[in-house]
Amino acid sequence: MEEAFMKDGKLIEQKEWETYIDGIRKEIEQEQKETTLSEEQLKEQLKKDIINAIENRTDEKFAVFFSGGVDSAIIALICKQLDKKFSCYCSGFRTGQMESPKDPIVARKIAEELKLKLFEKEADIEEAEEIIKEVVKILPKPEIVDIQYVVNVGVAAVIYLALKLAKEKGDEKTFFSGLGSEEIFAGYLRHEEAEDKHEECWSGLRKMWGRDLIRDTKIAEHFNINIATPFLDKNVIKTAMKIHIDRKINNEHKKIILREIAEELGLKHEFAWRRKQGAQYGSKSVKLIDRLKRKKGFKLKKEYLSSLL
């Protein structure tokens, strides 16, 4: 199925995405005037919605971006329970001879526990430099090179490496991504710091076009691959955004209700409640950019990336 942010194989315009999210919010407001479900009922509905969203997106040849976080773990777990045939791909960057990225290490443990077929790749600094150069070419040229652009290049490099590996190891045309989970379940530091955390979730959803969607679709398009995003399924968004913010985030945990659902479905407690850094940190792609920056004689990462434009 084609995702809501795509139309005829192309990414929709930013305004269309924002209008789409605003429309979902209006639907929720109307539904809540007519009926109100308990938090437990919403949780059960969310569980069903996530399973349906994943099942509706599976086809004969698909794979899962597998980072070792709860998002990709619950996707892989559900696909396994649905008796689907698929592979998982995990990527990272070595910033030194003995310094491996953390995400692939954890991903390997979960894959062994769930008996998943996992392909993994850790790129060294030479290969990483070429990937960074390619990513900069693929992504839209920014008006200014700021910290958000540095993050985007770091995340895009992880996706690029995983898809490059997939082209070498398999022939999957659809890749599952956990994109959207951080926004609907309050998974970022900015949610923790926001005065109105629920409003920050809505704001983050509206801003996803510029922060995430254009980046991920450009990299996927480069490899002629479709990205499946079950956490951006309309029904999943609607149910998740009806759930009280206290069921998503507190002083100790983020994405609480998703972790509870993952554990109820059979994911081990240690994996369901693992505190995971962003892809650019868990894969060490940003640290790698920092090394390349120093290698090329630049003081700032954004100066190094500017030199590649």
C-alpha atoms as a PDB file:
ATOM      1  CA  MET A   1       0.000   0.000   0.000  1.00  0.00           C
ATOM      2  CA  GLU A   2       1.127   3.551  -0.701  1.00  0.00           C
ATOM      3  CA  GLU A   3       1.808   5.668   2.358  1.00  0.00           C
ATOM      4  CA  ALA A   4      -0.171   8.857   3.000  1.00  0.00           C
ATOM      5  CA  PHE A   5       2.897  11.002   2.340  1.00  0.00           C
ATOM      6  CA  MET A   6       3.300   9.491  -1.126  1.00  0.00           C
ATOM      7  CA  LYS A   7       1.169  10.003  -4.230  1.00  0.00           C
ATOM      8  CA  ASP A   8       1.815   8.102  -7.461  1.00  0.00           C
ATOM      9  CA  GLY A   9       5.242   7.133  -6.181  1.00  0.00           C
ATOM     10  CA  LYS A  10       6.302  10.674  -5.279  1.00  0.00           C
ATOM     11  CA  LEU A  11       6.508  12.567  -2.004  1.00  0.00           C
ATOM     12  CA  ILE A  12       3.580  14.959  -1.576  1.00  0.00           C
ATOM     13  CA  GLU A  13       4.149  18.664  -0.936  1.00  0.00           C
ATOM     14  CA  GLN A  14       4.797  19.929   2.581  1.00  0.00           C
ATOM     15  CA  LYS A  15       1.482  21.795   2.731  1.00  0.00           C
ATOM     16  CA  GLU A  16      -0.400  18.634   1.762  1.00  0.00           C
ATOM     17  CA  TRP A  17       1.240  16.736   4.621  1.00  0.00           C
ATOM     18  CA  GLU A  18       0.436  19.453   7.151  1.00  0.00           C
ATOM     19  CA  THR A  19      -3.177  19.566   5.944  1.00  0.00           C
ATOM     20  CA  TYR A  20      -3.372  15.772   6.267  1.00  0.00           C
ATOM     21  CA  ILE A  21      -2.178  15.852   9.890  1.00  0.00           C
ATOM     22  CA  ASP A  22      -4.529  18.747  10.720  1.00  0.00           C
ATOM     23  CA  GLY A  23      -7.394  16.726   9.252  1.00  0.00           C
ATOM     24  CA  ILE A  24      -6.588  13.749  11.494  1.00  0.00           C
ATOM     25  CA  ARG A  25      -6.603  16.037  14.507  1.00  0.00           C
ATOM     26  CA  LYS A  26     -10.054  17.377  13.599  1.00  0.00           C
ATOM     27  CA  GLU A  27     -11.379  13.826  13.183  1.00  0.00           C
ATOM     28  CA  ILE A  28     -10.099  12.921  16.652  1.00  0.00           C
ATOM     29  CA  GLU A  29     -11.709  15.988  18.225  1.00  0.00           C
ATOM     30  CA  GLN A  30     -15.053  15.094  16.633  1.00  0.00           C
ATOM     31  CA  GLU A  31     -14.841  11.430  17.659  1.00  0.00           C
ATOM     32  CA  GLN A  32     -14.016  12.333  21.244  1.00  0.00           C
ATOM     33  CA  LYS A  33     -17.138  14.500  21.409  1.00  0.00           C
ATOM     34  CA  GLU A  34     -19.240  11.476  20.482  1.00  0.00           C
ATOM     35  CA  THR A  35     -17.567   8.745  22.556  1.00  0.00           C
ATOM     36  CA  THR A  36     -14.711   8.369  25.008  1.00  0.00           C
ATOM     37  CA  LEU A  37     -12.805   5.136  25.480  1.00  0.00           C
ATOM     38  CA  SER A  38     -10.939   4.235  28.649  1.00  0.00           C
ATOM     39  CA  GLU A  39      -7.132   4.211  28.596  1.00  0.00           C
ATOM     40  CA  GLU A  40      -7.172   0.400  28.698  1.00  0.00           C
ATOM     41  CA  GLN A  41      -9.596   0.243  25.760  1.00  0.00           C
ATOM     42  CA  LEU A  42      -7.398   2.657  23.831  1.00  0.00           C
ATOM     43  CA  LYS A  43      -4.364   0.510  24.565  1.00  0.00           C
ATOM     44  CA  GLU A  44      -6.059  -2.615  23.196  1.00  0.00           C
ATOM     45  CA  GLN A  45      -7.239  -0.691  20.154  1.00  0.00           C
ATOM     46  CA  LEU A  46      -3.725   0.639  19.581  1.00  0.00           C
ATOM     47  CA  LYS A  47      -2.315  -2.872  19.744  1.00  0.00           C
ATOM     48  CA  LYS A  48      -4.799  -4.030  17.083  1.00  0.00           C
ATOM     49  CA  ASP A  49      -4.140  -0.959  14.930  1.00  0.00           C
ATOM     50  CA  ILE A  50      -0.374  -1.518  14.978  1.00  0.00           C
ATOM     51  CA  ILE A  51      -0.741  -5.193  14.054  1.00  0.00           C
ATOM     52  CA  ASN A  52      -3.161  -4.353  11.225  1.00  0.00           C
ATOM     53  CA  ALA A  53      -0.945  -1.530   9.954  1.00  0.00           C
ATOM     54  CA  ILE A  54       2.012  -3.893   9.754  1.00  0.00           C
ATOM     55  CA  GLU A  55       0.067  -6.768   8.182  1.00  0.00           C
ATOM     56  CA  ASN A  56      -1.457  -4.468   5.546  1.00  0.00           C
ATOM     57  CA  ARG A  57       2.017  -3.360   4.464  1.00  0.00           C
ATOM     58  CA  THR A  58       3.670  -6.761   4.111  1.00  0.00           C
ATOM     59  CA  ASP A  59       4.191  -8.266   0.681  1.00  0.00           C
ATOM     60  CA  GLU A  60       6.190 -11.135  -0.777  1.00  0.00           C
ATOM     61  CA  LYS A  61       9.555  -9.383  -0.547  1.00  0.00           C
ATOM     62  CA  PHE A  62      10.038  -7.010   2.339  1.00  0.00           C
ATOM     63  CA  ALA A  63      12.600  -6.281   5.024  1.00  0.00           C
ATOM     64  CA  VAL A  64      12.892  -4.381   8.297  1.00  0.00           C
ATOM     65  CA  PHE A  65      15.337  -1.635   9.232  1.00  0.00           C
ATOM     66  CA  PHE A  66      16.540  -3.199  12.471  1.00  0.00           C
ATOM     67  CA  SER A  67      18.273  -0.908  14.940  1.00  0.00           C
ATOM     68  CA  GLY A  68      17.743  -2.742  18.204  1.00  0.00           C
ATOM     69  CA  GLY A  69      15.175  -0.200  19.400  1.00  0.00           C
ATOM     70  CA  VAL A  70      11.613  -0.948  20.471  1.00  0.00           C
ATOM     71  CA  ASP A  71      10.153   0.423  17.202  1.00  0.00           C
ATOM     72  CA  SER A  72      11.915  -1.974  14.840  1.00  0.00           C
ATOM     73  CA  ALA A  73      11.791  -4.801  17.383  1.00  0.00           C
ATOM     74  CA  ILE A  74       7.991  -4.701  17.670  1.00  0.00           C
ATOM     75  CA  ILE A  75       7.660  -4.550  13.871  1.00  0.00           C
ATOM     76  CA  ALA A  76       9.896  -7.606  13.455  1.00  0.00           C
ATOM     77  CA  LEU A  77       8.175  -9.437  16.309  1.00  0.00           C
ATOM     78  CA  ILE A  78       4.725  -8.913  14.799  1.00  0.00           C
ATOM     79  CA  CYS A  79       5.923  -9.938  11.328  1.00  0.00           C
ATOM     80  CA  LYS A  80       7.357 -13.100  12.886  1.00  0.00           C
ATOM     81  CA  GLN A  81       4.086 -13.821  14.692  1.00  0.00           C
ATOM     82  CA  LEU A  82       2.206 -13.270  11.423  1.00  0.00           C
ATOM     83  CA  ASP A  83       4.452 -15.995   9.950  1.00  0.00           C
ATOM     84  CA  LYS A  84       5.857 -13.673   7.292  1.00  0.00           C
ATOM     85  CA  LYS A  85       9.131 -14.300   5.485  1.00  0.00           C
ATOM     86  CA  PHE A  86      11.472 -11.328   5.741  1.00  0.00           C
ATOM     87  CA  SER A  87      15.012 -10.207   6.530  1.00  0.00           C
ATOM     88  CA  CYS A  88      16.354  -7.558   8.887  1.00  0.00           C
ATOM     89  CA  TYR A  89      19.143  -5.113   8.082  1.00  0.00           C
ATOM     90  CA  CYS A  90      21.260  -3.204  10.563  1.00  0.00           C
ATOM     91  CA  SER A  91      24.085  -0.775   9.860  1.00  0.00           C
ATOM     92  CA  GLY A  92      26.649   1.251  11.737  1.00  0.00           C
ATOM     93  CA  PHE A  93      30.038   2.917  11.526  1.00  0.00           C
ATOM     94  CA  ARG A  94      33.334   2.006  13.173  1.00  0.00           C
ATOM     95  CA  THR A  95      35.102   5.094  14.462  1.00  0.00           C
ATOM     96  CA  GLY A  96      38.195   3.174  15.552  1.00  0.00           C
ATOM     97  CA  GLN A  97      39.733  -0.284  15.261  1.00  0.00           C
ATOM     98  CA  MET A  98      38.105  -1.561  18.461  1.00  0.00           C
ATOM     99  CA  GLU A  99      35.144   0.810  18.647  1.00  0.00           C
ATOM    100  CA  SER A 100      31.960  -0.723  17.216  1.00  0.00           C
ATOM    101  CA  PRO A 101      28.565   1.037  17.169  1.00  0.00           C
ATOM    102  CA  LYS A 102      26.115  -0.052  19.862  1.00  0.00           C
ATOM    103  CA  ASP A 103      22.962  -0.511  17.740  1.00  0.00           C
ATOM    104  CA  PRO A 104      24.238  -3.519  15.744  1.00  0.00           C
ATOM    105  CA  ILE A 105      25.375  -5.228  18.968  1.00  0.00           C
ATOM    106  CA  VAL A 106      21.901  -4.995  20.518  1.00  0.00           C
ATOM    107  CA  ALA A 107      20.192  -5.768  17.204  1.00  0.00           C
ATOM    108  CA  ARG A 108      22.194  -8.989  17.034  1.00  0.00           C
ATOM    109  CA  LYS A 109      21.028 -10.034  20.514  1.00  0.00           C
ATOM    110  CA  ILE A 110      17.357  -9.390  19.695  1.00  0.00           C
ATOM    111  CA  ALA A 111      17.655 -11.166  16.338  1.00  0.00           C
ATOM    112  CA  GLU A 112      19.107 -14.222  18.076  1.00  0.00           C
ATOM    113  CA  GLU A 113      16.309 -14.174  20.670  1.00  0.00           C
ATOM    114  CA  LEU A 114      13.557 -13.866  18.045  1.00  0.00           C
ATOM    115  CA  LYS A 115      15.346 -16.130  15.533  1.00  0.00           C
ATOM    116  CA  LEU A 116      15.392 -13.439  12.855  1.00  0.00           C
ATOM    117  CA  LYS A 117      17.429 -13.426   9.668  1.00  0.00           C
ATOM    118  CA  LEU A 118      19.775 -10.484  10.200  1.00  0.00           C
ATOM    119  CA  PHE A 119      22.259  -8.893   7.828  1.00  0.00           C
ATOM    120  CA  GLU A 120      24.576  -6.300   9.322  1.00  0.00           C
ATOM    121  CA  LYS A 121      27.296  -4.002   8.087  1.00  0.00           C
ATOM    122  CA  GLU A 122      29.805  -1.796   9.879  1.00  0.00           C
ATOM    123  CA  ALA A 123      31.574   0.657   7.578  1.00  0.00           C
ATOM    124  CA  ASP A 124      35.079   1.918   8.267  1.00  0.00           C
ATOM    125  CA  ILE A 125      36.115   5.545   7.836  1.00  0.00           C
ATOM    126  CA  GLU A 126      37.116   5.165   4.171  1.00  0.00           C
ATOM    127  CA  GLU A 127      33.786   3.634   3.122  1.00  0.00           C
ATOM    128  CA  ALA A 128      31.911   6.055   5.369  1.00  0.00           C
ATOM    129  CA  GLU A 129      33.520   9.052   3.692  1.00  0.00           C
ATOM    130  CA  GLU A 130      32.199   7.911   0.318  1.00  0.00           C
ATOM    131  CA  ILE A 131      28.742   7.319   1.799  1.00  0.00           C
ATOM    132  CA  ILE A 132      28.651  10.817   3.325  1.00  0.00           C
ATOM    133  CA  LYS A 133      29.584  12.312  -0.039  1.00  0.00           C
ATOM    134  CA  GLU A 134      26.817  10.328  -1.759  1.00  0.00           C
ATOM    135  CA  VAL A 135      24.237  11.278   0.872  1.00  0.00           C
ATOM    136  CA  VAL A 136      25.041  14.966   0.492  1.00  0.00           C
ATOM    137  CA  LYS A 137      24.469  14.634  -3.253  1.00  0.00           C
ATOM    138  CA  ILE A 138      21.130  12.845  -2.785  1.00  0.00           C
ATOM    139  CA  LEU A 139      19.575  15.080  -0.128  1.00  0.00           C
ATOM    140  CA  PRO A 140      18.123  18.462  -1.133  1.00  0.00           C
ATOM    141  CA  LYS A 141      20.653  21.259  -0.848  1.00  0.00           C
ATOM    142  CA  PRO A 142      19.879  23.206   2.340  1.00  0.00           C
ATOM    143  CA  GLU A 143      19.483  26.969   2.498  1.00  0.00           C
ATOM    144  CA  ILE A 144      21.811  26.912   5.496  1.00  0.00           C
ATOM    145  CA  VAL A 145      23.927  24.102   6.888  1.00  0.00           C
ATOM    146  CA  ASP A 146      22.824  23.886  10.518  1.00  0.00           C
ATOM    147  CA  ILE A 147      22.696  21.246  13.242  1.00  0.00           C
ATOM    148  CA  GLN A 148      19.476  19.785  11.778  1.00  0.00           C
ATOM    149  CA  TYR A 149      21.263  19.212   8.471  1.00  0.00           C
ATOM    150  CA  VAL A 150      24.140  17.488  10.286  1.00  0.00           C
ATOM    151  CA  VAL A 151      21.598  15.193  11.988  1.00  0.00           C
ATOM    152  CA  ASN A 152      19.830  14.528   8.679  1.00  0.00           C
ATOM    153  CA  VAL A 153      23.083  13.532   6.981  1.00  0.00           C
ATOM    154  CA  GLY A 154      23.948  11.274   9.922  1.00  0.00           C
ATOM    155  CA  VAL A 155      20.586   9.486   9.846  1.00  0.00           C
ATOM    156  CA  ALA A 156      20.576   9.305   6.057  1.00  0.00           C
ATOM    157  CA  ALA A 157      24.017   7.674   6.108  1.00  0.00           C
ATOM    158  CA  VAL A 158      22.665   4.853   8.318  1.00  0.00           C
ATOM    159  CA  ILE A 159      19.735   4.279   5.952  1.00  0.00           C
ATOM    160  CA  TYR A 160      22.008   4.455   2.902  1.00  0.00           C
ATOM    161  CA  LEU A 161      24.371   1.832   4.306  1.00  0.00           C
ATOM    162  CA  ALA A 162      21.492  -0.525   5.194  1.00  0.00           C
ATOM    163  CA  LEU A 163      19.907  -0.211   1.750  1.00  0.00           C
ATOM    164  CA  LYS A 164      23.268  -0.643   0.054  1.00  0.00           C
ATOM    165  CA  LEU A 165      23.707  -3.858   2.019  1.00  0.00           C
ATOM    166  CA  ALA A 166      20.203  -4.971   1.038  1.00  0.00           C
ATOM    167  CA  LYS A 167      21.027  -4.530  -2.639  1.00  0.00           C
ATOM    168  CA  GLU A 168      24.030  -6.809  -2.143  1.00  0.00           C
ATOM    169  CA  LYS A 169      22.266  -9.475  -0.053  1.00  0.00           C
ATOM    170  CA  GLY A 170      18.633  -9.548  -1.184  1.00  0.00           C
ATOM    171  CA  ASP A 171      16.030  -8.242  -3.598  1.00  0.00           C
ATOM    172  CA  GLU A 172      13.479  -6.689  -1.229  1.00  0.00           C
ATOM    173  CA  LYS A 173      11.472  -3.774  -2.605  1.00  0.00           C
ATOM    174  CA  THR A 174       9.783  -2.681   0.633  1.00  0.00           C
ATOM    175  CA  PHE A 175      11.499  -1.750   3.892  1.00  0.00           C
ATOM    176  CA  PHE A 176       9.698  -1.268   7.194  1.00  0.00           C
ATOM    177  CA  SER A 177      10.735   1.773   9.186  1.00  0.00           C
ATOM    178  CA  GLY A 178       9.823   2.902  12.702  1.00  0.00           C
ATOM    179  CA  LEU A 179       9.404   6.459  11.438  1.00  0.00           C
ATOM    180  CA  GLY A 180       6.669   8.337  13.289  1.00  0.00           C
ATOM    181  CA  SER A 181       6.924   6.408  16.540  1.00  0.00           C
ATOM    182  CA  GLU A 182       8.973   9.117  18.233  1.00  0.00           C
ATOM    183  CA  GLU A 183       6.321  11.723  17.437  1.00  0.00           C
ATOM    184  CA  ILE A 184       3.141   9.873  18.368  1.00  0.00           C
ATOM    185  CA  PHE A 185       4.639   8.324  21.532  1.00  0.00           C
ATOM    186  CA  ALA A 186       6.682  11.350  22.734  1.00  0.00           C
ATOM    187  CA  GLY A 187      10.107   9.789  22.254  1.00  0.00           C
ATOM    188  CA  TYR A 188      12.359  12.821  21.863  1.00  0.00           C
ATOM    189  CA  LEU A 189      14.131  15.048  24.376  1.00  0.00           C
ATOM    190  CA  ARG A 190      12.059  17.974  23.093  1.00  0.00           C
ATOM    191  CA  HIS A 191       8.926  16.167  24.246  1.00  0.00           C
ATOM    192  CA  GLU A 192      10.438  15.804  27.699  1.00  0.00           C
ATOM    193  CA  GLU A 193      11.336  19.497  27.789  1.00  0.00           C
ATOM    194  CA  ALA A 194       8.087  20.824  26.287  1.00  0.00           C
ATOM    195  CA  GLU A 195       5.615  22.593  28.545  1.00  0.00           C
ATOM    196  CA  ASP A 196       2.732  21.045  26.581  1.00  0.00           C
ATOM    197  CA  LYS A 197       3.994  17.606  25.602  1.00  0.00           C
ATOM    198  CA  HIS A 198       0.835  16.572  23.752  1.00  0.00           C
ATOM    199  CA  GLU A 199       0.971  19.719  21.634  1.00  0.00           C
ATOM    200  CA  GLU A 200       4.627  19.002  20.885  1.00  0.00           C
ATOM    201  CA  CYS A 201       3.579  15.602  19.497  1.00  0.00           C
ATOM    202  CA  TRP A 202       1.193  17.297  17.077  1.00  0.00           C
ATOM    203  CA  SER A 203       3.783  19.905  16.156  1.00  0.00           C
ATOM    204  CA  GLY A 204       6.352  17.193  15.512  1.00  0.00           C
ATOM    205  CA  LEU A 205       3.966  15.297  13.246  1.00  0.00           C
ATOM    206  CA  ARG A 206       3.339  18.422  11.161  1.00  0.00           C
ATOM    207  CA  LYS A 207       7.082  19.099  10.871  1.00  0.00           C
ATOM    208  CA  MET A 208       7.985  15.560   9.837  1.00  0.00           C
ATOM    209  CA  TRP A 209       7.929  16.455   6.157  1.00  0.00           C
ATOM    210  CA  GLY A 210      10.979  18.693   6.481  1.00  0.00           C
ATOM    211  CA  ARG A 211      12.724  16.769   9.251  1.00  0.00           C
ATOM    212  CA  ASP A 212      12.242  13.164   8.142  1.00  0.00           C
ATOM    213  CA  LEU A 213      10.060  12.395   5.145  1.00  0.00           C
ATOM    214  CA  ILE A 214      12.026  14.211   2.464  1.00  0.00           C
ATOM    215  CA  ARG A 215      15.274  12.700   3.768  1.00  0.00           C
ATOM    216  CA  ASP A 216      14.089   9.086   3.951  1.00  0.00           C
ATOM    217  CA  THR A 217      12.169   9.115   0.670  1.00  0.00           C
ATOM    218  CA  LYS A 218      15.147  10.591  -1.205  1.00  0.00           C
ATOM    219  CA  ILE A 219      17.482   7.847   0.032  1.00  0.00           C
ATOM    220  CA  ALA A 220      14.892   5.133  -0.658  1.00  0.00           C
ATOM    221  CA  GLU A 221      14.236   6.538  -4.128  1.00  0.00           C
ATOM    222  CA  HIS A 222      17.965   6.363  -4.868  1.00  0.00           C
ATOM    223  CA  PHE A 223      17.821   2.592  -4.311  1.00  0.00           C
ATOM    224  CA  ASN A 224      14.385   2.146  -5.921  1.00  0.00           C
ATOM    225  CA  ILE A 225      12.893   0.962  -2.638  1.00  0.00           C
ATOM    226  CA  ASN A 226       9.589   1.759  -0.909  1.00  0.00           C
ATOM    227  CA  ILE A 227       9.455   2.615   2.789  1.00  0.00           C
ATOM    228  CA  ALA A 228       6.599   1.199   4.870  1.00  0.00           C
ATOM    229  CA  THR A 229       5.745   3.262   7.958  1.00  0.00           C
ATOM    230  CA  PRO A 230       3.125   1.507  10.117  1.00  0.00           C
ATOM    231  CA  PHE A 231       3.448   4.091  12.905  1.00  0.00           C
ATOM    232  CA  LEU A 232       2.249   6.724  10.424  1.00  0.00           C
ATOM    233  CA  ASP A 233      -0.812   4.665   9.555  1.00  0.00           C
ATOM    234  CA  LYS A 234      -3.872   6.897   9.967  1.00  0.00           C
ATOM    235  CA  ASN A 235      -5.603   4.581  12.442  1.00  0.00           C
ATOM    236  CA  VAL A 236      -2.424   4.198  14.498  1.00  0.00           C
ATOM    237  CA  ILE A 237      -1.964   7.972  14.664  1.00  0.00           C
ATOM    238  CA  LYS A 238      -5.614   8.507  15.616  1.00  0.00           C
ATOM    239  CA  THR A 239      -5.601   5.995  18.455  1.00  0.00           C
ATOM    240  CA  ALA A 240      -2.152   6.962  19.731  1.00  0.00           C
ATOM    241  CA  MET A 241      -3.051  10.650  19.809  1.00  0.00           C
ATOM    242  CA  LYS A 242      -6.169   9.946  21.893  1.00  0.00           C
ATOM    243  CA  ILE A 243      -4.013   8.416  24.622  1.00  0.00           C
ATOM    244  CA  HIS A 244      -3.125  10.657  27.562  1.00  0.00           C
ATOM    245  CA  ILE A 245       0.405  12.005  27.455  1.00  0.00           C
ATOM    246  CA  ASP A 246       1.145  10.530  30.908  1.00  0.00           C
ATOM    247  CA  ARG A 247       0.814   7.064  29.325  1.00  0.00           C
ATOM    248  CA  LYS A 248       3.593   7.985  26.903  1.00  0.00           C
ATOM    249  CA  ILE A 249       6.235   9.841  28.879  1.00  0.00           C
ATOM    250  CA  ASN A 250       7.327  10.455  32.462  1.00  0.00           C
ATOM    251  CA  ASN A 251      10.543  11.365  34.271  1.00  0.00           C
ATOM    252  CA  GLU A 252      12.005   7.895  33.733  1.00  0.00           C
ATOM    253  CA  HIS A 253      10.746   6.641  30.367  1.00  0.00           C
ATOM    254  CA  LYS A 254       9.587   7.719  26.923  1.00  0.00           C
ATOM    255  CA  LYS A 255       7.204   5.767  24.640  1.00  0.00           C
ATOM    256  CA  ILE A 256       5.816   3.971  27.691  1.00  0.00           C
ATOM    257  CA  ILE A 257       2.648   2.532  26.152  1.00  0.00           C
ATOM    258  CA  LEU A 258       4.504   1.186  23.109  1.00  0.00           C
ATOM    259  CA  ARG A 259       7.005  -0.556  25.381  1.00  0.00           C
ATOM    260  CA  GLU A 260       4.165  -2.090  27.392  1.00  0.00           C
ATOM    261  CA  ILE A 261       2.519  -3.380  24.208  1.00  0.00           C
ATOM    262  CA  ALA A 262       5.834  -4.779  22.939  1.00  0.00           C
ATOM    263  CA  GLU A 263       6.330  -6.679  26.199  1.00  0.00           C
ATOM    264  CA  GLU A 264       2.741  -7.959  26.172  1.00  0.00           C
ATOM    265  CA  LEU A 265       3.297  -9.281  22.652  1.00  0.00           C
ATOM    266  CA  GLY A 266       6.327 -11.247  23.836  1.00  0.00           C
ATOM    267  CA  LEU A 267       9.377  -9.002  23.551  1.00  0.00           C
ATOM    268  CA  LYS A 268      11.774  -9.470  26.468  1.00  0.00           C
ATOM    269  CA  HIS A 269      11.626  -6.744  29.123  1.00  0.00           C
ATOM    270  CA  GLU A 270      15.268  -5.756  28.595  1.00  0.00           C
ATOM    271  CA  PHE A 271      14.653  -5.151  24.891  1.00  0.00           C
ATOM    272  CA  ALA A 272      11.237  -3.520  25.230  1.00  0.00           C
ATOM    273  CA  TRP A 273      12.544  -1.014  27.777  1.00  0.00           C
ATOM    274  CA  ARG A 274      15.987  -0.417  26.308  1.00  0.00           C
ATOM    275  CA  ARG A 275      16.914   3.253  26.274  1.00  0.00           C
ATOM    276  CA  LYS A 276      18.061   3.872  22.732  1.00  0.00           C
ATOM    277  CA  GLN A 277      19.826   6.888  21.308  1.00  0.00           C
ATOM    278  CA  GLY A 278      18.912   8.372  17.933  1.00  0.00           C
ATOM    279  CA  ALA A 279      20.113   6.500  14.867  1.00  0.00           C
ATOM    280  CA  GLN A 280      22.909   9.004  14.291  1.00  0.00           C
ATOM    281  CA  TYR A 281      24.325   8.227  17.762  1.00  0.00           C
ATOM    282  CA  GLY A 282      23.614   4.508  18.117  1.00  0.00           C
ATOM    283  CA  SER A 283      25.227   3.895  14.722  1.00  0.00           C
ATOM    284  CA  LYS A 284      28.038   6.397  15.458  1.00  0.00           C
ATOM    285  CA  SER A 285      27.458   8.147  12.125  1.00  0.00           C
ATOM    286  CA  VAL A 286      27.659  11.601  13.714  1.00  0.00           C
ATOM    287  CA  LYS A 287      30.867  10.645  15.531  1.00  0.00           C
ATOM    288  CA  LEU A 288      32.177   9.462  12.192  1.00  0.00           C
ATOM    289  CA  ILE A 289      31.354  12.840  10.619  1.00  0.00           C
ATOM    290  CA  ASP A 290      33.253  14.411  13.504  1.00  0.00           C
ATOM    291  CA  ARG A 291      36.315  12.302  12.677  1.00  0.00           C
ATOM    292  CA  LEU A 292      36.092  13.200   9.000  1.00  0.00           C
ATOM    293  CA  LYS A 293      35.777  16.861   9.961  1.00  0.00           C
ATOM    294  CA  ARG A 294      39.062  16.730  11.879  1.00  0.00           C
ATOM    295  CA  LYS A 295      40.737  14.644   9.186  1.00  0.00           C
ATOM    296  CA  LYS A 296      39.903  17.319   6.608  1.00  0.00           C
ATOM    297  CA  GLY A 297      41.006  20.174   8.858  1.00  0.00           C
ATOM    298  CA  PHE A 298      37.619  21.677   9.775  1.00  0.00           C
ATOM    299  CA  LYS A 299      36.597  22.874  13.236  1.00  0.00           C
ATOM    300  CA  LEU A 300      32.865  22.226  12.849  1.00  0.00           C
ATOM    301  CA  LYS A 301      30.896  19.344  11.334  1.00  0.00           C
ATOM    302  CA  LYS A 302      28.695  21.785   9.442  1.00  0.00           C
ATOM    303  CA  GLU A 303      31.802  23.348   7.877  1.00  0.00           C
ATOM    304  CA  TYR A 304      32.921  19.955   6.635  1.00  0.00           C
ATOM    305  CA  LEU A 305      29.511  19.144   5.176  1.00  0.00           C
ATOM    306  CA  SER A 306      29.344  22.609   3.567  1.00  0.00           C
ATOM    307  CA  SER A 307      32.574  21.788   1.750  1.00  0.00           C
ATOM    308  CA  LEU A 308      30.866  18.800   0.118  1.00  0.00           C
ATOM    309  CA  LEU A 309      27.949  20.781  -1.316  1.00  0.00           C
END
